[in-house]
Amino acid sequence: MAWIVLFVAGLLEIVWSVAMKQSDGFTRLVPAAVSIAAMIGSVAALAFAMRTLPLGTAYTVWTGIGAVGAFAVGIVFLGEAASALRLAAATLIVAGLVLMKFASAE
């Protein structure tokens, strides 16, 4: 259960980072409100997952999902560059997340 909640926390991190970008420095009300709500939800879900998962594992996976997810959204929806080096870096982050999952026992 903790892994599912942690995954949801990571997805909410993607939501808040994209909404923050769309808020134009918190000058647009709706994206700013979405960003703040998703931040609160993300941190709350992370805290719940940390009740059973180790700190280092939970935090690493949470930030990794957010980072790679925001990277992917930037490429697919915001027209950001998708160079081979950037894609390789994202792949290494995902590989690290998979290794962290296998290295952690609940």
C-alpha atoms as a PDB file:
ATOM      1  CA  MET A   1       0.000   0.000   0.000  1.00  0.00           C
ATOM      2  CA  ALA A   2       2.797   2.420   0.850  1.00  0.00           C
ATOM      3  CA  TRP A   3       4.303   2.047  -2.618  1.00  0.00           C
ATOM      4  CA  ILE A   4       0.989   2.928  -4.266  1.00  0.00           C
ATOM      5  CA  VAL A   5       0.591   5.990  -2.052  1.00  0.00           C
ATOM      6  CA  LEU A   6       4.180   6.976  -2.803  1.00  0.00           C
ATOM      7  CA  PHE A   7       3.502   6.687  -6.535  1.00  0.00           C
ATOM      8  CA  VAL A   8       0.431   8.927  -6.147  1.00  0.00           C
ATOM      9  CA  ALA A   9       2.585  11.404  -4.206  1.00  0.00           C
ATOM     10  CA  GLY A  10       5.029  11.438  -7.124  1.00  0.00           C
ATOM     11  CA  LEU A  11       2.213  12.019  -9.609  1.00  0.00           C
ATOM     12  CA  LEU A  12       0.978  14.929  -7.505  1.00  0.00           C
ATOM     13  CA  GLU A  13       4.505  16.341  -7.564  1.00  0.00           C
ATOM     14  CA  ILE A  14       4.315  16.341 -11.357  1.00  0.00           C
ATOM     15  CA  VAL A  15       0.948  18.108 -11.184  1.00  0.00           C
ATOM     16  CA  TRP A  16       2.187  20.838  -8.868  1.00  0.00           C
ATOM     17  CA  SER A  17       5.338  21.509 -10.853  1.00  0.00           C
ATOM     18  CA  VAL A  18       3.452  21.781 -14.148  1.00  0.00           C
ATOM     19  CA  ALA A  19       0.749  23.933 -12.556  1.00  0.00           C
ATOM     20  CA  MET A  20       3.448  26.142 -11.049  1.00  0.00           C
ATOM     21  CA  LYS A  21       4.925  26.669 -14.521  1.00  0.00           C
ATOM     22  CA  GLN A  22       1.459  27.490 -15.862  1.00  0.00           C
ATOM     23  CA  SER A  23       0.794  29.905 -12.982  1.00  0.00           C
ATOM     24  CA  ASP A  24       3.400  32.301 -14.393  1.00  0.00           C
ATOM     25  CA  GLY A  25       5.049  32.974 -11.044  1.00  0.00           C
ATOM     26  CA  PHE A  26       1.792  32.560  -9.090  1.00  0.00           C
ATOM     27  CA  THR A  27       0.184  35.435 -11.004  1.00  0.00           C
ATOM     28  CA  ARG A  28      -2.595  33.244 -12.459  1.00  0.00           C
ATOM     29  CA  LEU A  29      -5.101  32.158  -9.809  1.00  0.00           C
ATOM     30  CA  VAL A  30      -6.335  28.753 -11.014  1.00  0.00           C
ATOM     31  CA  PRO A  31      -2.944  27.201 -11.837  1.00  0.00           C
ATOM     32  CA  ALA A  32      -1.525  28.680  -8.614  1.00  0.00           C
ATOM     33  CA  ALA A  33      -4.347  27.119  -6.576  1.00  0.00           C
ATOM     34  CA  VAL A  34      -3.892  23.760  -8.339  1.00  0.00           C
ATOM     35  CA  SER A  35      -0.162  23.919  -7.616  1.00  0.00           C
ATOM     36  CA  ILE A  36      -0.649  24.637  -3.923  1.00  0.00           C
ATOM     37  CA  ALA A  37      -3.330  21.960  -3.505  1.00  0.00           C
ATOM     38  CA  ALA A  38      -1.188  19.369  -5.294  1.00  0.00           C
ATOM     39  CA  MET A  39       1.821  20.325  -3.145  1.00  0.00           C
ATOM     40  CA  ILE A  40      -0.161  19.715   0.019  1.00  0.00           C
ATOM     41  CA  GLY A  41      -1.532  16.424  -1.290  1.00  0.00           C
ATOM     42  CA  SER A  42       1.888  15.287  -2.466  1.00  0.00           C
ATOM     43  CA  VAL A  43       3.594  15.977   0.842  1.00  0.00           C
ATOM     44  CA  ALA A  44       0.710  14.402   2.787  1.00  0.00           C
ATOM     45  CA  ALA A  45       0.916  11.241   0.667  1.00  0.00           C
ATOM     46  CA  LEU A  46       4.702  11.177   1.071  1.00  0.00           C
ATOM     47  CA  ALA A  47       4.310  11.451   4.841  1.00  0.00           C
ATOM     48  CA  PHE A  48       1.855   8.549   4.826  1.00  0.00           C
ATOM     49  CA  ALA A  49       4.212   6.393   2.741  1.00  0.00           C
ATOM     50  CA  MET A  50       7.089   7.215   5.098  1.00  0.00           C
ATOM     51  CA  ARG A  51       5.212   5.549   7.925  1.00  0.00           C
ATOM     52  CA  THR A  52       6.419   2.209   6.554  1.00  0.00           C
ATOM     53  CA  LEU A  53       9.049   2.981   3.906  1.00  0.00           C
ATOM     54  CA  PRO A  54      12.575   4.105   4.796  1.00  0.00           C
ATOM     55  CA  LEU A  55      13.180   7.859   4.536  1.00  0.00           C
ATOM     56  CA  GLY A  56      15.901   7.614   1.910  1.00  0.00           C
ATOM     57  CA  THR A  57      13.898   5.284  -0.282  1.00  0.00           C
ATOM     58  CA  ALA A  58      10.628   7.204  -0.056  1.00  0.00           C
ATOM     59  CA  TYR A  59      12.199  10.601  -0.651  1.00  0.00           C
ATOM     60  CA  THR A  60      14.372   9.390  -3.528  1.00  0.00           C
ATOM     61  CA  VAL A  61      11.480   7.699  -5.310  1.00  0.00           C
ATOM     62  CA  TRP A  62       9.162  10.686  -4.718  1.00  0.00           C
ATOM     63  CA  THR A  63      11.600  13.216  -6.143  1.00  0.00           C
ATOM     64  CA  GLY A  64      12.565  10.874  -8.973  1.00  0.00           C
ATOM     65  CA  ILE A  65       8.980  10.388 -10.113  1.00  0.00           C
ATOM     66  CA  GLY A  66       8.447  14.134  -9.953  1.00  0.00           C
ATOM     67  CA  ALA A  67      11.642  14.955 -11.807  1.00  0.00           C
ATOM     68  CA  VAL A  68      11.228  12.440 -14.621  1.00  0.00           C
ATOM     69  CA  GLY A  69       7.504  13.133 -14.880  1.00  0.00           C
ATOM     70  CA  ALA A  70       8.008  16.892 -15.111  1.00  0.00           C
ATOM     71  CA  PHE A  71      10.763  16.293 -17.657  1.00  0.00           C
ATOM     72  CA  ALA A  72       8.411  14.152 -19.765  1.00  0.00           C
ATOM     73  CA  VAL A  73       5.553  16.664 -19.546  1.00  0.00           C
ATOM     74  CA  GLY A  74       7.961  19.410 -20.579  1.00  0.00           C
ATOM     75  CA  ILE A  75       8.975  17.483 -23.670  1.00  0.00           C
ATOM     76  CA  VAL A  76       5.555  16.161 -24.687  1.00  0.00           C
ATOM     77  CA  PHE A  77       3.364  19.156 -23.900  1.00  0.00           C
ATOM     78  CA  LEU A  78       5.593  22.214 -23.513  1.00  0.00           C
ATOM     79  CA  GLY A  79       7.937  21.737 -26.449  1.00  0.00           C
ATOM     80  CA  GLU A  80      11.125  21.399 -24.419  1.00  0.00           C
ATOM     81  CA  ALA A  81      14.216  19.858 -26.025  1.00  0.00           C
ATOM     82  CA  ALA A  82      14.575  16.063 -26.028  1.00  0.00           C
ATOM     83  CA  SER A  83      18.264  15.612 -26.752  1.00  0.00           C
ATOM     84  CA  ALA A  84      19.934  12.219 -26.479  1.00  0.00           C
ATOM     85  CA  LEU A  85      21.893  13.354 -23.421  1.00  0.00           C
ATOM     86  CA  ARG A  86      18.776  14.580 -21.600  1.00  0.00           C
ATOM     87  CA  LEU A  87      16.934  11.345 -22.413  1.00  0.00           C
ATOM     88  CA  ALA A  88      19.905   9.300 -21.190  1.00  0.00           C
ATOM     89  CA  ALA A  89      19.933  11.257 -17.934  1.00  0.00           C
ATOM     90  CA  ALA A  90      16.211  10.607 -17.394  1.00  0.00           C
ATOM     91  CA  THR A  91      16.752   6.922 -18.159  1.00  0.00           C
ATOM     92  CA  LEU A  92      19.464   6.752 -15.509  1.00  0.00           C
ATOM     93  CA  ILE A  93      17.121   8.353 -12.971  1.00  0.00           C
ATOM     94  CA  VAL A  94      14.440   5.754 -13.741  1.00  0.00           C
ATOM     95  CA  ALA A  95      17.020   2.957 -13.447  1.00  0.00           C
ATOM     96  CA  GLY A  96      18.017   4.325 -10.047  1.00  0.00           C
ATOM     97  CA  LEU A  97      14.388   4.360  -8.920  1.00  0.00           C
ATOM     98  CA  VAL A  98      13.930   0.744  -9.969  1.00  0.00           C
ATOM     99  CA  LEU A  99      17.091  -0.249  -8.106  1.00  0.00           C
ATOM    100  CA  MET A 100      15.922   1.669  -5.025  1.00  0.00           C
ATOM    101  CA  LYS A 101      12.621  -0.233  -5.099  1.00  0.00           C
ATOM    102  CA  PHE A 102      14.361  -3.599  -5.320  1.00  0.00           C
ATOM    103  CA  ALA A 103      16.858  -2.649  -2.622  1.00  0.00           C
ATOM    104  CA  SER A 104      14.141  -1.710  -0.126  1.00  0.00           C
ATOM    105  CA  ALA A 105      12.244  -4.160   2.007  1.00  0.00           C
ATOM    106  CA  GLU A 106       8.923  -3.118   3.532  1.00  0.00           C
END
